[in-house]
């Protein structure tokens, strides 16, 4: 069973190069299209069925991997890429089953401790 069974409609915002950036990502995401362009921001966060594959496909098309895809304490497999137009994209796939609040808090504490080096 696919993680995302319903179609998702997103609104992406860009400072510049919005048309080229949108065309770039439409070429990477199956069954996607451009409905309109607004150029006012530069971070997008698509939820995809396979974050690893999406990041690899973006890198093969010229994006830079800023943060490799990895399991995160909040319950996503998540990474960051910078597209050839300078826009940052966080790409994520939910990890199922979702974590309970207690599991998420324990994982957050462990992640914070690891980042602080203690």
N, C-alpha and C. Protein backbone atom coordinates (compact mmCIF):
# COMPACT_ATOMS: atom_id res chain seq x y z
N UNK A 1 0.83 -1.17 0.00
CA UNK A 1 0.00 0.00 0.00
C UNK A 1 0.89 1.25 0.00
N UNK A 2 0.59 2.19 -0.84
CA UNK A 2 1.35 3.43 -0.91
C UNK A 2 1.07 4.27 0.33
N UNK A 3 2.09 5.00 0.78
CA UNK A 3 1.93 5.85 1.95
C UNK A 3 0.95 6.98 1.65
N UNK A 4 1.10 7.60 0.50
CA UNK A 4 0.21 8.70 0.12
C UNK A 4 -0.74 8.20 -0.95
N UNK A 5 -1.98 7.96 -0.58
CA UNK A 5 -2.93 7.42 -1.53
C UNK A 5 -3.74 8.49 -2.23
N UNK A 6 -3.77 9.71 -1.69
CA UNK A 6 -4.54 10.79 -2.29
C UNK A 6 -3.61 11.78 -2.95
N UNK A 7 -4.11 12.46 -3.94
CA UNK A 7 -3.34 13.49 -4.62
C UNK A 7 -3.15 14.68 -3.69
N UNK A 8 -2.00 15.31 -3.79
CA UNK A 8 -1.69 16.47 -2.97
C UNK A 8 -1.51 17.67 -3.88
N UNK A 9 -2.12 18.78 -3.51
CA UNK A 9 -1.95 20.01 -4.28
C UNK A 9 -1.16 20.97 -3.41
N UNK A 10 -0.06 21.47 -3.93
CA UNK A 10 0.80 22.35 -3.16
C UNK A 10 0.82 23.74 -3.76
N UNK A 11 1.22 24.68 -2.96
CA UNK A 11 1.46 26.05 -3.40
C UNK A 11 2.92 26.35 -3.10
N UNK A 12 3.71 26.58 -4.11
CA UNK A 12 5.13 26.85 -3.95
C UNK A 12 5.39 28.33 -4.18
N UNK A 13 6.26 28.92 -3.36
CA UNK A 13 6.56 30.35 -3.46
C UNK A 13 8.05 30.51 -3.75
N UNK A 14 8.40 31.46 -4.64
CA UNK A 14 9.79 31.70 -5.03
C UNK A 14 10.09 33.19 -5.07
N UNK A 15 11.36 33.55 -4.78
CA UNK A 15 11.80 34.94 -4.95
C UNK A 15 11.98 35.25 -6.44
N UNK A 16 12.56 34.35 -7.16
CA UNK A 16 12.83 34.52 -8.59
C UNK A 16 12.92 33.13 -9.21
N UNK A 17 12.99 33.08 -10.51
CA UNK A 17 13.11 31.82 -11.25
C UNK A 17 11.98 30.84 -10.95
N UNK A 18 10.82 31.35 -10.58
CA UNK A 18 9.71 30.49 -10.22
C UNK A 18 9.27 29.56 -11.32
N UNK A 19 9.18 30.07 -12.53
CA UNK A 19 8.73 29.24 -13.65
C UNK A 19 9.73 28.11 -13.90
N UNK A 20 11.01 28.44 -13.98
CA UNK A 20 12.03 27.41 -14.24
C UNK A 20 12.09 26.40 -13.10
N UNK A 21 12.00 26.87 -11.86
CA UNK A 21 12.04 25.96 -10.72
C UNK A 21 10.81 25.05 -10.73
N UNK A 22 9.64 25.59 -10.98
CA UNK A 22 8.42 24.78 -11.02
C UNK A 22 8.52 23.74 -12.14
N UNK A 23 9.01 24.14 -13.29
CA UNK A 23 9.17 23.19 -14.41
C UNK A 23 10.15 22.08 -14.04
N UNK A 24 11.22 22.44 -13.33
CA UNK A 24 12.22 21.45 -12.89
C UNK A 24 11.56 20.40 -12.01
N UNK A 25 10.78 20.82 -11.01
CA UNK A 25 10.18 19.85 -10.11
C UNK A 25 9.00 19.11 -10.72
N UNK A 26 8.27 19.72 -11.61
CA UNK A 26 7.22 19.00 -12.31
C UNK A 26 7.84 17.86 -13.12
N UNK A 27 9.04 18.08 -13.65
CA UNK A 27 9.71 17.02 -14.40
C UNK A 27 10.14 15.87 -13.51
N UNK A 28 10.26 16.10 -12.20
CA UNK A 28 10.71 15.06 -11.27
C UNK A 28 9.57 14.32 -10.57
N UNK A 29 8.43 14.98 -10.43
CA UNK A 29 7.31 14.41 -9.68
C UNK A 29 6.25 13.88 -10.63
N UNK A 30 5.99 12.57 -10.60
CA UNK A 30 5.03 11.99 -11.52
C UNK A 30 3.63 12.59 -11.37
N UNK A 31 2.93 12.66 -12.46
CA UNK A 31 1.54 13.15 -12.49
C UNK A 31 1.39 14.54 -11.89
N UNK A 32 2.39 15.40 -12.09
CA UNK A 32 2.30 16.77 -11.56
C UNK A 32 2.15 17.76 -12.69
N UNK A 33 1.68 18.96 -12.34
CA UNK A 33 1.51 20.00 -13.35
C UNK A 33 1.59 21.36 -12.67
N UNK A 34 1.76 22.39 -13.47
CA UNK A 34 1.81 23.76 -12.97
C UNK A 34 0.45 24.39 -13.22
N UNK A 35 -0.19 24.85 -12.13
CA UNK A 35 -1.48 25.54 -12.26
C UNK A 35 -1.30 27.05 -12.27
N UNK A 36 -0.22 27.53 -11.71
CA UNK A 36 0.03 28.97 -11.64
C UNK A 36 1.38 29.22 -10.98
N UNK A 37 1.89 30.41 -11.12
CA UNK A 37 3.20 30.78 -10.57
C UNK A 37 3.04 32.03 -9.72
N UNK A 38 3.58 31.99 -8.49
CA UNK A 38 3.70 33.16 -7.62
C UNK A 38 5.16 33.24 -7.21
N UNK A 39 5.77 34.38 -7.29
CA UNK A 39 7.19 34.50 -6.97
C UNK A 39 7.40 35.35 -5.71
N UNK A 40 7.25 34.71 -4.51
CA UNK A 40 7.36 35.45 -3.25
C UNK A 40 8.05 34.67 -2.14
N UNK A 41 8.78 33.63 -2.37
CA UNK A 41 9.42 32.87 -1.29
C UNK A 41 10.42 31.89 -1.86
N UNK A 42 11.04 31.05 -1.01
CA UNK A 42 11.98 30.10 -1.58
C UNK A 42 12.17 28.82 -0.79
N UNK A 43 11.12 28.28 -0.17
CA UNK A 43 11.21 26.98 0.46
C UNK A 43 9.95 26.20 0.13
N UNK A 44 10.14 24.96 -0.28
CA UNK A 44 9.00 24.08 -0.55
C UNK A 44 9.20 22.82 0.26
N UNK A 45 8.11 22.15 0.60
CA UNK A 45 8.17 20.94 1.41
C UNK A 45 7.21 19.89 0.86
N UNK A 46 7.60 19.20 -0.22
CA UNK A 46 6.72 18.14 -0.72
C UNK A 46 6.81 16.88 0.13
N UNK A 47 5.68 16.27 0.39
CA UNK A 47 5.61 14.95 1.01
C UNK A 47 5.50 13.97 -0.16
N UNK A 48 6.40 13.00 -0.20
CA UNK A 48 6.47 12.07 -1.32
C UNK A 48 6.42 10.63 -0.81
N UNK A 49 6.17 9.70 -1.71
CA UNK A 49 6.13 8.28 -1.33
C UNK A 49 7.50 7.74 -0.98
N UNK A 50 8.57 8.28 -1.58
CA UNK A 50 9.93 7.78 -1.36
C UNK A 50 10.91 8.95 -1.38
N UNK A 51 11.22 9.50 -0.19
CA UNK A 51 12.10 10.67 -0.09
C UNK A 51 13.49 10.37 -0.63
N UNK A 52 13.98 9.16 -0.41
CA UNK A 52 15.32 8.81 -0.91
C UNK A 52 15.36 8.88 -2.43
N UNK A 53 14.36 8.30 -3.07
CA UNK A 53 14.31 8.30 -4.53
C UNK A 53 14.12 9.72 -5.07
N UNK A 54 13.26 10.52 -4.43
CA UNK A 54 13.04 11.89 -4.89
C UNK A 54 14.31 12.72 -4.76
N UNK A 55 15.05 12.58 -3.66
CA UNK A 55 16.30 13.32 -3.48
C UNK A 55 17.35 12.86 -4.50
N UNK A 56 17.43 11.56 -4.74
CA UNK A 56 18.38 11.04 -5.73
C UNK A 56 18.05 11.54 -7.13
N UNK A 57 16.76 11.57 -7.48
CA UNK A 57 16.34 12.05 -8.79
C UNK A 57 16.64 13.54 -8.93
N UNK A 58 16.40 14.31 -7.85
CA UNK A 58 16.71 15.75 -7.87
C UNK A 58 18.22 15.96 -8.06
N UNK A 59 19.03 15.19 -7.34
CA UNK A 59 20.49 15.31 -7.46
C UNK A 59 20.95 14.97 -8.88
N UNK A 60 20.37 13.93 -9.45
CA UNK A 60 20.74 13.54 -10.81
C UNK A 60 20.36 14.62 -11.82
N UNK A 61 19.36 15.43 -11.48
CA UNK A 61 18.92 16.50 -12.38
C UNK A 61 19.61 17.82 -12.07
N UNK A 62 20.59 17.81 -11.14
CA UNK A 62 21.39 19.01 -10.89
C UNK A 62 21.20 19.67 -9.55
N UNK A 63 20.35 19.12 -8.68
CA UNK A 63 20.19 19.69 -7.34
C UNK A 63 21.35 19.26 -6.45
N UNK A 64 21.63 20.06 -5.43
CA UNK A 64 22.68 19.77 -4.45
C UNK A 64 22.02 19.18 -3.20
N UNK A 65 22.54 18.06 -2.70
CA UNK A 65 22.05 17.49 -1.45
C UNK A 65 22.65 18.32 -0.31
N UNK A 66 21.80 19.04 0.40
CA UNK A 66 22.25 19.87 1.52
C UNK A 66 22.25 19.06 2.81
N UNK A 67 21.23 18.24 3.00
CA UNK A 67 21.11 17.35 4.15
C UNK A 67 20.60 16.02 3.64
N UNK A 68 21.41 14.96 3.71
CA UNK A 68 20.96 13.67 3.19
C UNK A 68 19.68 13.20 3.88
N UNK A 69 18.87 12.48 3.15
CA UNK A 69 17.62 11.94 3.69
C UNK A 69 17.96 10.95 4.79
N UNK A 70 17.28 11.10 5.93
CA UNK A 70 17.48 10.20 7.07
C UNK A 70 16.21 10.21 7.92
N UNK A 71 16.06 9.18 8.76
CA UNK A 71 14.94 9.14 9.70
C UNK A 71 15.10 10.26 10.72
N UNK A 72 14.01 10.99 10.97
CA UNK A 72 14.04 12.10 11.92
C UNK A 72 13.14 11.78 13.12
N UNK A 73 13.44 12.42 14.24
CA UNK A 73 12.73 12.10 15.48
C UNK A 73 11.23 12.41 15.40
N UNK A 74 10.81 13.33 14.54
CA UNK A 74 9.39 13.70 14.48
C UNK A 74 8.56 12.73 13.65
N UNK A 75 9.21 11.74 13.03
CA UNK A 75 8.44 10.70 12.35
C UNK A 75 8.46 10.75 10.84
N UNK A 76 9.38 11.51 10.26
CA UNK A 76 9.53 11.55 8.80
C UNK A 76 10.91 11.05 8.41
N UNK A 77 11.00 10.52 7.22
CA UNK A 77 12.28 10.32 6.55
C UNK A 77 12.45 11.59 5.74
N UNK A 78 13.47 12.41 6.03
CA UNK A 78 13.52 13.82 5.64
C UNK A 78 14.92 14.21 5.20
N UNK A 79 14.98 15.06 4.18
CA UNK A 79 16.26 15.62 3.74
C UNK A 79 16.04 16.96 3.06
N UNK A 80 17.14 17.67 2.79
CA UNK A 80 17.09 18.97 2.13
C UNK A 80 17.90 18.95 0.85
N UNK A 81 17.36 19.55 -0.20
CA UNK A 81 18.09 19.73 -1.45
C UNK A 81 17.99 21.20 -1.86
N UNK A 82 18.99 21.66 -2.60
CA UNK A 82 18.99 23.00 -3.17
C UNK A 82 18.96 22.83 -4.68
N UNK A 83 17.92 23.34 -5.31
CA UNK A 83 17.78 23.12 -6.75
C UNK A 83 18.73 24.02 -7.53
N UNK A 84 18.87 23.79 -8.84
CA UNK A 84 19.80 24.58 -9.66
C UNK A 84 19.46 26.07 -9.71
N UNK A 85 18.30 26.45 -9.20
CA UNK A 85 17.88 27.84 -9.22
C UNK A 85 18.07 28.52 -7.87
N UNK A 86 18.65 27.77 -6.90
CA UNK A 86 18.96 28.32 -5.59
C UNK A 86 17.85 28.15 -4.56
N UNK A 87 16.78 27.44 -4.89
CA UNK A 87 15.67 27.25 -3.96
C UNK A 87 15.90 26.00 -3.11
N UNK A 88 15.57 26.11 -1.82
CA UNK A 88 15.70 24.99 -0.90
C UNK A 88 14.40 24.19 -0.89
N UNK A 89 14.54 22.88 -0.87
CA UNK A 89 13.40 21.96 -0.82
C UNK A 89 13.65 20.97 0.32
N UNK A 90 12.70 20.86 1.23
CA UNK A 90 12.75 19.78 2.21
C UNK A 90 11.83 18.69 1.66
N UNK A 91 12.36 17.50 1.55
CA UNK A 91 11.62 16.37 0.98
C UNK A 91 11.39 15.37 2.10
N UNK A 92 10.16 14.89 2.25
CA UNK A 92 9.86 14.00 3.36
C UNK A 92 8.91 12.89 2.97
N UNK A 93 9.04 11.77 3.67
CA UNK A 93 8.12 10.65 3.60
C UNK A 93 7.77 10.29 5.04
N UNK A 94 6.48 10.25 5.39
CA UNK A 94 6.12 9.85 6.75
C UNK A 94 6.57 8.41 7.02
N UNK A 95 7.07 8.18 8.22
CA UNK A 95 7.44 6.83 8.65
C UNK A 95 6.25 6.27 9.40
N UNK A 96 5.76 5.10 8.96
CA UNK A 96 4.57 4.52 9.58
C UNK A 96 4.93 3.29 10.37
N UNK A 97 4.25 3.01 11.47
CA UNK A 97 3.14 3.79 12.00
C UNK A 97 3.64 5.06 12.68
N UNK A 98 2.77 6.07 12.81
CA UNK A 98 3.18 7.30 13.47
C UNK A 98 3.60 7.04 14.92
N UNK A 99 4.52 7.85 15.41
CA UNK A 99 4.98 7.71 16.79
C UNK A 99 3.96 8.29 17.75
N UNK A 100 3.91 7.71 18.93
CA UNK A 100 3.06 8.26 19.99
C UNK A 100 3.75 9.53 20.51
N UNK A 101 3.01 10.41 21.22
CA UNK A 101 3.65 11.59 21.80
C UNK A 101 4.84 11.24 22.70
N UNK A 102 4.73 10.15 23.45
CA UNK A 102 5.82 9.75 24.33
C UNK A 102 7.05 9.30 23.53
N UNK A 103 6.81 8.52 22.47
CA UNK A 103 7.93 8.08 21.62
C UNK A 103 8.59 9.27 20.94
N UNK A 104 7.79 10.23 20.47
CA UNK A 104 8.34 11.40 19.80
C UNK A 104 9.17 12.23 20.78
N UNK A 105 8.69 12.41 22.00
CA UNK A 105 9.43 13.19 22.99
C UNK A 105 10.74 12.50 23.34
N UNK A 106 10.72 11.17 23.51
CA UNK A 106 11.95 10.44 23.80
C UNK A 106 12.94 10.55 22.64
N UNK A 107 12.44 10.45 21.41
CA UNK A 107 13.30 10.57 20.24
C UNK A 107 13.85 11.99 20.11
N UNK A 108 13.02 13.00 20.40
CA UNK A 108 13.47 14.39 20.35
C UNK A 108 14.58 14.62 21.38
N UNK A 109 14.39 14.12 22.60
CA UNK A 109 15.40 14.26 23.64
C UNK A 109 16.72 13.61 23.24
N UNK A 110 16.64 12.42 22.66
CA UNK A 110 17.85 11.72 22.22
C UNK A 110 18.55 12.50 21.10
N UNK A 111 17.76 13.06 20.16
CA UNK A 111 18.34 13.84 19.06
C UNK A 111 19.01 15.10 19.59
N UNK A 112 18.38 15.79 20.52
CA UNK A 112 18.96 17.01 21.08
C UNK A 112 20.24 16.70 21.84
N UNK A 113 20.23 15.59 22.58
CA UNK A 113 21.42 15.19 23.33
C UNK A 113 22.56 14.84 22.37
N UNK A 114 22.24 14.15 21.28
CA UNK A 114 23.26 13.79 20.30
C UNK A 114 23.84 15.06 19.65
N UNK A 115 22.98 16.04 19.34
CA UNK A 115 23.47 17.28 18.70
C UNK A 115 24.34 18.10 19.65
N UNK A 116 24.06 18.01 20.96
CA UNK A 116 24.85 18.79 21.93
C UNK A 116 26.16 18.09 22.25
N UNK A 117 26.30 16.85 21.80
CA UNK A 117 27.56 16.11 22.02
C UNK A 117 27.67 15.47 23.38
N UNK A 118 26.57 15.43 24.14
CA UNK A 118 26.64 14.81 25.48
C UNK A 118 26.07 13.42 25.50
